Amino acid sequence: MINWTSLETVFLDMDGTLLDLHFDNHFWLEHLPRRYAEQYGLALMKPGIN
Protein backbone atom coordinates (compact mmCIF):
# COMPACT_ATOMS: atom_id res chain seq x y z
CA MET A 1 0.00 0.00 0.00
CA ILE A 2 1.26 3.50 -0.81
CA ASN A 3 1.91 5.80 2.12
CA TRP A 4 0.52 8.97 0.52
CA THR A 5 1.62 11.19 3.41
CA SER A 6 5.28 10.38 2.71
CA LEU A 7 5.14 11.57 -0.92
CA GLU A 8 6.15 15.08 -1.88
CA THR A 9 4.94 15.00 -5.48
CA VAL A 10 2.37 12.94 -7.35
CA PHE A 11 2.01 13.50 -11.09
CA LEU A 12 -1.00 11.84 -12.69
CA ASP A 13 -1.59 12.47 -16.35
CA MET A 14 -4.08 10.82 -18.61
CA ASP A 15 -4.23 12.35 -22.07
CA GLY A 16 -6.33 15.46 -21.84
CA THR A 17 -6.08 15.83 -18.06
CA LEU A 18 -3.00 18.01 -17.70
CA LEU A 19 -1.47 17.74 -21.15
CA ASP A 20 -3.36 16.98 -24.31
CA LEU A 21 -2.43 14.34 -26.87
CA HIS A 22 -1.22 16.98 -29.36
CA PHE A 23 1.33 18.22 -26.82
CA ASP A 24 2.38 14.65 -25.94
CA ASN A 25 2.93 13.81 -29.61
CA HIS A 26 4.84 17.03 -30.26
CA PHE A 27 7.08 16.56 -27.23
CA TRP A 28 7.91 12.86 -27.66
CA LEU A 29 7.95 12.63 -31.47
CA GLU A 30 9.37 16.03 -32.46
CA HIS A 31 10.88 18.12 -29.68
CA LEU A 32 12.75 15.46 -27.70
CA PRO A 33 14.34 13.73 -30.73
CA ARG A 34 15.42 17.13 -32.11
CA ARG A 35 17.00 18.23 -28.80
CA TYR A 36 18.69 14.84 -28.33
CA ALA A 37 20.17 15.03 -31.84
CA GLU A 38 21.40 18.57 -31.18
CA GLN A 39 22.95 17.59 -27.84
CA TYR A 40 24.84 14.62 -29.28
CA GLY A 41 25.64 16.00 -32.75
CA LEU A 42 23.38 13.54 -34.58
CA ALA A 43 21.42 14.03 -37.78
CA LEU A 44 17.68 13.58 -37.61
CA MET A 45 16.27 11.03 -40.03
CA LYS A 46 12.79 10.99 -41.44
CA PRO A 47 10.65 8.07 -40.26
CA GLY A 48 10.81 5.02 -42.51
CA ILE A 49 14.07 6.04 -44.19
CA ASN A 50 17.17 3.96 -43.38
C-alpha atoms as a PDB file:
ATOM      1  CA  MET A   1       0.000   0.000   0.000  1.00  0.00           C
ATOM      2  CA  ILE A   2       1.255   3.498  -0.814  1.00  0.00           C
ATOM      3  CA  ASN A   3       1.915   5.798   2.123  1.00  0.00           C
ATOM      4  CA  TRP A   4       0.516   8.968   0.517  1.00  0.00           C
ATOM      5  CA  THR A   5       1.619  11.191   3.411  1.00  0.00           C
ATOM      6  CA  SER A   6       5.275  10.376   2.715  1.00  0.00           C
ATOM      7  CA  LEU A   7       5.145  11.572  -0.917  1.00  0.00           C
ATOM      8  CA  GLU A   8       6.147  15.083  -1.879  1.00  0.00           C
ATOM      9  CA  THR A   9       4.939  15.000  -5.478  1.00  0.00           C
ATOM     10  CA  VAL A  10       2.374  12.937  -7.354  1.00  0.00           C
ATOM     11  CA  PHE A  11       2.011  13.503 -11.086  1.00  0.00           C
ATOM     12  CA  LEU A  12      -0.999  11.841 -12.687  1.00  0.00           C
ATOM     13  CA  ASP A  13      -1.594  12.468 -16.345  1.00  0.00           C
ATOM     14  CA  MET A  14      -4.079  10.823 -18.608  1.00  0.00           C
ATOM     15  CA  ASP A  15      -4.232  12.347 -22.071  1.00  0.00           C
ATOM     16  CA  GLY A  16      -6.326  15.461 -21.844  1.00  0.00           C
ATOM     17  CA  THR A  17      -6.083  15.826 -18.058  1.00  0.00           C
ATOM     18  CA  LEU A  18      -3.003  18.014 -17.695  1.00  0.00           C
ATOM     19  CA  LEU A  19      -1.472  17.743 -21.155  1.00  0.00           C
ATOM     20  CA  ASP A  20      -3.357  16.982 -24.309  1.00  0.00           C
ATOM     21  CA  LEU A  21      -2.429  14.338 -26.872  1.00  0.00           C
ATOM     22  CA  HIS A  22      -1.216  16.975 -29.362  1.00  0.00           C
ATOM     23  CA  PHE A  23       1.334  18.222 -26.821  1.00  0.00           C
ATOM     24  CA  ASP A  24       2.383  14.652 -25.935  1.00  0.00           C
ATOM     25  CA  ASN A  25       2.934  13.809 -29.610  1.00  0.00           C
ATOM     26  CA  HIS A  26       4.836  17.030 -30.263  1.00  0.00           C
ATOM     27  CA  PHE A  27       7.082  16.555 -27.226  1.00  0.00           C
ATOM     28  CA  TRP A  28       7.915  12.856 -27.665  1.00  0.00           C
ATOM     29  CA  LEU A  29       7.946  12.632 -31.470  1.00  0.00           C
ATOM     30  CA  GLU A  30       9.373  16.030 -32.463  1.00  0.00           C
ATOM     31  CA  HIS A  31      10.879  18.120 -29.675  1.00  0.00           C
ATOM     32  CA  LEU A  32      12.754  15.460 -27.700  1.00  0.00           C
ATOM     33  CA  PRO A  33      14.343  13.729 -30.728  1.00  0.00           C
ATOM     34  CA  ARG A  34      15.421  17.126 -32.108  1.00  0.00           C
ATOM     35  CA  ARG A  35      17.003  18.228 -28.801  1.00  0.00           C
ATOM     36  CA  TYR A  36      18.688  14.837 -28.329  1.00  0.00           C
ATOM     37  CA  ALA A  37      20.170  15.026 -31.836  1.00  0.00           C
ATOM     38  CA  GLU A  38      21.403  18.573 -31.177  1.00  0.00           C
ATOM     39  CA  GLN A  39      22.952  17.588 -27.841  1.00  0.00           C
ATOM     40  CA  TYR A  40      24.843  14.615 -29.279  1.00  0.00           C
ATOM     41  CA  GLY A  41      25.638  15.996 -32.750  1.00  0.00           C
ATOM     42  CA  LEU A  42      23.382  13.541 -34.576  1.00  0.00           C
ATOM     43  CA  ALA A  43      21.424  14.031 -37.779  1.00  0.00           C
ATOM     44  CA  LEU A  44      17.679  13.576 -37.613  1.00  0.00           C
ATOM     45  CA  MET A  45      16.274  11.028 -40.027  1.00  0.00           C
ATOM     46  CA  LYS A  46      12.792  10.991 -41.443  1.00  0.00           C
ATOM     47  CA  PRO A  47      10.648   8.070 -40.256  1.00  0.00           C
ATOM     48  CA  GLY A  48      10.812   5.020 -42.512  1.00  0.00           C
ATOM     49  CA  ILE A  49      14.070   6.038 -44.194  1.00  0.00           C
ATOM     50  CA  ASN A  50      17.174   3.960 -43.384  1.00  0.00           C
END
